[in-house]
Amino acid sequence: MITLPDTPYLYDAEVVRCIDGDSVWLRLTKTVKIDFGFKIIDTQTKETVQNFRLTGINAPEIRGDQRQAGLVAKDQLQKFLDAAIALKVHTYKSGKYGRYLVTIYAEQPDGTYLNLNEEMIRSGHADKYLK
């Protein structure tokens, strides 16, 4: 069973578009509770849509010689995303091409979470990428 990280950089997420086996456009939402004191408590919700890269993995490209394997990897990631009850995303600093890096957690029907980055590796659709 995976425990979600205890970090302020954990967001609710919704898939906008799956680009390939290691890149997705996501809508991230964060609601924070604001306690003003004097029994005044409020919430504020913000959202953003960004292009993210799954950290720690490298999937085949959907262009060039790897096209067929890349399309299969993209389909697998899309299946994982579609099967989730809800998504949580942990963001990290931006990668070498300027996209933020993420770990995607998919909530399962039993209330547990799958780390989709690890599932892409485990299913054979991506390799570990340590840079």
C-alpha atoms as a PDB file:
ATOM      1  CA  MET A   1       0.000   0.000   0.000  1.00  0.00           C
ATOM      2  CA  ILE A   2       1.344   3.417  -0.951  1.00  0.00           C
ATOM      3  CA  THR A   3       1.214   6.311   1.462  1.00  0.00           C
ATOM      4  CA  LEU A   4       0.800   9.704  -0.172  1.00  0.00           C
ATOM      5  CA  PRO A   5       3.675  12.087   0.531  1.00  0.00           C
ATOM      6  CA  ASP A   6       3.159  14.694   3.242  1.00  0.00           C
ATOM      7  CA  THR A   7       4.039  17.761   1.210  1.00  0.00           C
ATOM      8  CA  PRO A   8       2.451  21.093   0.293  1.00  0.00           C
ATOM      9  CA  TYR A   9       3.109  20.142  -3.338  1.00  0.00           C
ATOM     10  CA  LEU A  10       0.379  17.498  -3.497  1.00  0.00           C
ATOM     11  CA  TYR A  11      -2.568  18.451  -5.704  1.00  0.00           C
ATOM     12  CA  ASP A  12      -5.872  17.039  -6.892  1.00  0.00           C
ATOM     13  CA  ALA A  13      -5.564  16.465 -10.630  1.00  0.00           C
ATOM     14  CA  GLU A  14      -7.664  15.941 -13.719  1.00  0.00           C
ATOM     15  CA  VAL A  15      -6.273  14.757 -17.055  1.00  0.00           C
ATOM     16  CA  VAL A  16      -6.604  17.251 -19.883  1.00  0.00           C
ATOM     17  CA  ARG A  17      -4.570  15.286 -22.445  1.00  0.00           C
ATOM     18  CA  CYS A  18      -2.153  12.366 -22.454  1.00  0.00           C
ATOM     19  CA  ILE A  19       0.752  13.291 -24.768  1.00  0.00           C
ATOM     20  CA  ASP A  20       2.804  10.074 -24.602  1.00  0.00           C
ATOM     21  CA  GLY A  21       3.948   7.481 -22.071  1.00  0.00           C
ATOM     22  CA  ASP A  22       5.695  10.016 -19.824  1.00  0.00           C
ATOM     23  CA  SER A  23       4.045  13.393 -20.554  1.00  0.00           C
ATOM     24  CA  VAL A  24       0.558  14.689 -19.720  1.00  0.00           C
ATOM     25  CA  TRP A  25      -1.383  17.913 -19.570  1.00  0.00           C
ATOM     26  CA  LEU A  26      -3.109  18.116 -16.173  1.00  0.00           C
ATOM     27  CA  ARG A  27      -5.463  20.501 -14.404  1.00  0.00           C
ATOM     28  CA  LEU A  28      -4.216  20.813 -10.833  1.00  0.00           C
ATOM     29  CA  THR A  29      -6.465  22.087  -8.056  1.00  0.00           C
ATOM     30  CA  LYS A  30      -5.473  23.085  -4.541  1.00  0.00           C
ATOM     31  CA  THR A  31      -7.849  24.193  -1.796  1.00  0.00           C
ATOM     32  CA  VAL A  32      -6.327  25.697   1.312  1.00  0.00           C
ATOM     33  CA  LYS A  33      -7.974  26.497   4.630  1.00  0.00           C
ATOM     34  CA  ILE A  34      -7.314  29.989   5.938  1.00  0.00           C
ATOM     35  CA  ASP A  35      -7.778  30.577   9.658  1.00  0.00           C
ATOM     36  CA  PHE A  36      -7.997  34.307  10.311  1.00  0.00           C
ATOM     37  CA  GLY A  37      -8.557  33.796  14.023  1.00  0.00           C
ATOM     38  CA  PHE A  38     -11.615  35.242  15.770  1.00  0.00           C
ATOM     39  CA  LYS A  39     -13.523  32.100  14.665  1.00  0.00           C
ATOM     40  CA  ILE A  40     -13.193  33.172  11.032  1.00  0.00           C
ATOM     41  CA  ILE A  41     -12.183  30.283   8.783  1.00  0.00           C
ATOM     42  CA  ASP A  42     -12.311  30.420   5.003  1.00  0.00           C
ATOM     43  CA  THR A  43     -11.045  28.380   2.058  1.00  0.00           C
ATOM     44  CA  GLN A  44      -9.485  29.416  -1.195  1.00  0.00           C
ATOM     45  CA  THR A  45      -9.216  27.259  -4.319  1.00  0.00           C
ATOM     46  CA  LYS A  46      -6.764  27.800  -7.162  1.00  0.00           C
ATOM     47  CA  GLU A  47      -6.160  25.784 -10.308  1.00  0.00           C
ATOM     48  CA  THR A  48      -3.752  25.654 -13.225  1.00  0.00           C
ATOM     49  CA  VAL A  49      -3.370  23.641 -16.424  1.00  0.00           C
ATOM     50  CA  GLN A  50       0.212  22.636 -17.223  1.00  0.00           C
ATOM     51  CA  ASN A  51       2.246  20.185 -19.293  1.00  0.00           C
ATOM     52  CA  PHE A  52       4.034  17.772 -16.928  1.00  0.00           C
ATOM     53  CA  ARG A  53       6.636  15.037 -17.285  1.00  0.00           C
ATOM     54  CA  LEU A  54       6.476  11.930 -15.108  1.00  0.00           C
ATOM     55  CA  THR A  55       9.633  11.904 -13.016  1.00  0.00           C
ATOM     56  CA  GLY A  56      11.985   8.940 -12.880  1.00  0.00           C
ATOM     57  CA  ILE A  57      10.765   7.242 -16.051  1.00  0.00           C
ATOM     58  CA  ASN A  58      11.461   7.313 -19.761  1.00  0.00           C
ATOM     59  CA  ALA A  59       8.889   5.914 -22.190  1.00  0.00           C
ATOM     60  CA  PRO A  60       9.485   5.322 -25.916  1.00  0.00           C
ATOM     61  CA  GLU A  61       8.846   8.309 -28.182  1.00  0.00           C
ATOM     62  CA  ILE A  62       5.761   8.426 -30.402  1.00  0.00           C
ATOM     63  CA  ARG A  63       7.846   9.644 -33.338  1.00  0.00           C
ATOM     64  CA  GLY A  64      10.622   7.990 -35.283  1.00  0.00           C
ATOM     65  CA  ASP A  65      11.839   4.415 -34.854  1.00  0.00           C
ATOM     66  CA  GLN A  66      10.101   4.003 -31.476  1.00  0.00           C
ATOM     67  CA  ARG A  67       6.677   5.081 -32.748  1.00  0.00           C
ATOM     68  CA  GLN A  68       4.845   1.756 -32.298  1.00  0.00           C
ATOM     69  CA  ALA A  69       6.210   1.151 -28.769  1.00  0.00           C
ATOM     70  CA  GLY A  70       5.556   4.821 -27.960  1.00  0.00           C
ATOM     71  CA  LEU A  71       1.898   4.575 -28.957  1.00  0.00           C
ATOM     72  CA  VAL A  72       1.515   1.411 -26.852  1.00  0.00           C
ATOM     73  CA  ALA A  73       3.093   3.195 -23.852  1.00  0.00           C
ATOM     74  CA  LYS A  74       0.793   6.188 -24.329  1.00  0.00           C
ATOM     75  CA  ASP A  75      -2.250   3.882 -24.467  1.00  0.00           C
ATOM     76  CA  GLN A  76      -1.128   2.131 -21.268  1.00  0.00           C
ATOM     77  CA  LEU A  77      -0.699   5.407 -19.380  1.00  0.00           C
ATOM     78  CA  GLN A  78      -4.122   6.539 -20.614  1.00  0.00           C
ATOM     79  CA  LYS A  79      -5.655   3.256 -19.355  1.00  0.00           C
ATOM     80  CA  PHE A  80      -4.079   3.759 -15.921  1.00  0.00           C
ATOM     81  CA  LEU A  81      -5.386   7.344 -15.807  1.00  0.00           C
ATOM     82  CA  ASP A  82      -8.887   6.377 -16.986  1.00  0.00           C
ATOM     83  CA  ALA A  83      -9.166   3.575 -14.403  1.00  0.00           C
ATOM     84  CA  ALA A  84      -8.425   5.878 -11.461  1.00  0.00           C
ATOM     85  CA  ILE A  85     -11.226   6.976  -9.141  1.00  0.00           C
ATOM     86  CA  ALA A  86      -9.270  10.194  -8.532  1.00  0.00           C
ATOM     87  CA  LEU A  87      -5.751  11.466  -9.144  1.00  0.00           C
ATOM     88  CA  LYS A  88      -3.253  13.094  -6.808  1.00  0.00           C
ATOM     89  CA  VAL A  89      -0.074  14.646  -8.149  1.00  0.00           C
ATOM     90  CA  HIS A  90       3.170  15.427  -6.341  1.00  0.00           C
ATOM     91  CA  THR A  91       5.123  18.121  -8.191  1.00  0.00           C
ATOM     92  CA  TYR A  92       8.867  18.715  -8.200  1.00  0.00           C
ATOM     93  CA  LYS A  93      11.146  21.356  -9.693  1.00  0.00           C
ATOM     94  CA  SER A  94      11.164  21.771 -13.450  1.00  0.00           C
ATOM     95  CA  GLY A  95      13.128  19.441 -15.677  1.00  0.00           C
ATOM     96  CA  LYS A  96      15.703  20.282 -18.307  1.00  0.00           C
ATOM     97  CA  TYR A  97      13.038  21.317 -20.849  1.00  0.00           C
ATOM     98  CA  GLY A  98      11.177  23.564 -18.410  1.00  0.00           C
ATOM     99  CA  ARG A  99       8.271  21.256 -17.583  1.00  0.00           C
ATOM    100  CA  TYR A 100       7.546  20.470 -13.963  1.00  0.00           C
ATOM    101  CA  LEU A 101       8.180  16.880 -12.958  1.00  0.00           C
ATOM    102  CA  VAL A 102       5.416  14.874 -11.276  1.00  0.00           C
ATOM    103  CA  THR A 103       4.565  11.626  -9.609  1.00  0.00           C
ATOM    104  CA  ILE A 104       0.968  10.647 -10.336  1.00  0.00           C
ATOM    105  CA  TYR A 105      -1.011   8.665  -7.751  1.00  0.00           C
ATOM    106  CA  ALA A 106      -4.209   6.949  -8.912  1.00  0.00           C
ATOM    107  CA  GLU A 107      -6.864   6.212  -6.304  1.00  0.00           C
ATOM    108  CA  GLN A 108      -8.209   2.665  -6.545  1.00  0.00           C
ATOM    109  CA  PRO A 109     -11.745   1.464  -5.660  1.00  0.00           C
ATOM    110  CA  ASP A 110     -10.486   0.141  -2.296  1.00  0.00           C
ATOM    111  CA  GLY A 111      -9.166   3.600  -1.343  1.00  0.00           C
ATOM    112  CA  THR A 112      -5.488   2.772  -1.878  1.00  0.00           C
ATOM    113  CA  TYR A 113      -3.236   4.564  -4.359  1.00  0.00           C
ATOM    114  CA  LEU A 114      -1.031   3.309  -7.200  1.00  0.00           C
ATOM    115  CA  ASN A 115       2.123   5.193  -8.162  1.00  0.00           C
ATOM    116  CA  LEU A 116       1.600   5.395 -11.937  1.00  0.00           C
ATOM    117  CA  ASN A 117       5.251   6.256 -12.575  1.00  0.00           C
ATOM    118  CA  GLU A 118       6.236   2.920 -11.002  1.00  0.00           C
ATOM    119  CA  GLU A 119       3.362   1.098 -12.717  1.00  0.00           C
ATOM    120  CA  MET A 120       4.607   2.242 -16.131  1.00  0.00           C
ATOM    121  CA  ILE A 121       7.999   0.679 -15.327  1.00  0.00           C
ATOM    122  CA  ARG A 122       6.485  -2.466 -13.781  1.00  0.00           C
ATOM    123  CA  SER A 123       4.240  -2.997 -16.827  1.00  0.00           C
ATOM    124  CA  GLY A 124       7.252  -2.761 -19.158  1.00  0.00           C
ATOM    125  CA  HIS A 125       6.083   0.429 -20.904  1.00  0.00           C
ATOM    126  CA  ALA A 126       8.844   2.680 -19.498  1.00  0.00           C
ATOM    127  CA  ASP A 127      12.364   2.423 -18.143  1.00  0.00           C
ATOM    128  CA  LYS A 128      13.820   4.018 -15.031  1.00  0.00           C
ATOM    129  CA  TYR A 129      15.306   7.430 -15.781  1.00  0.00           C
ATOM    130  CA  LEU A 130      17.594   8.923 -13.168  1.00  0.00           C
ATOM    131  CA  LYS A 131      18.586  12.284 -14.703  1.00  0.00           C
END
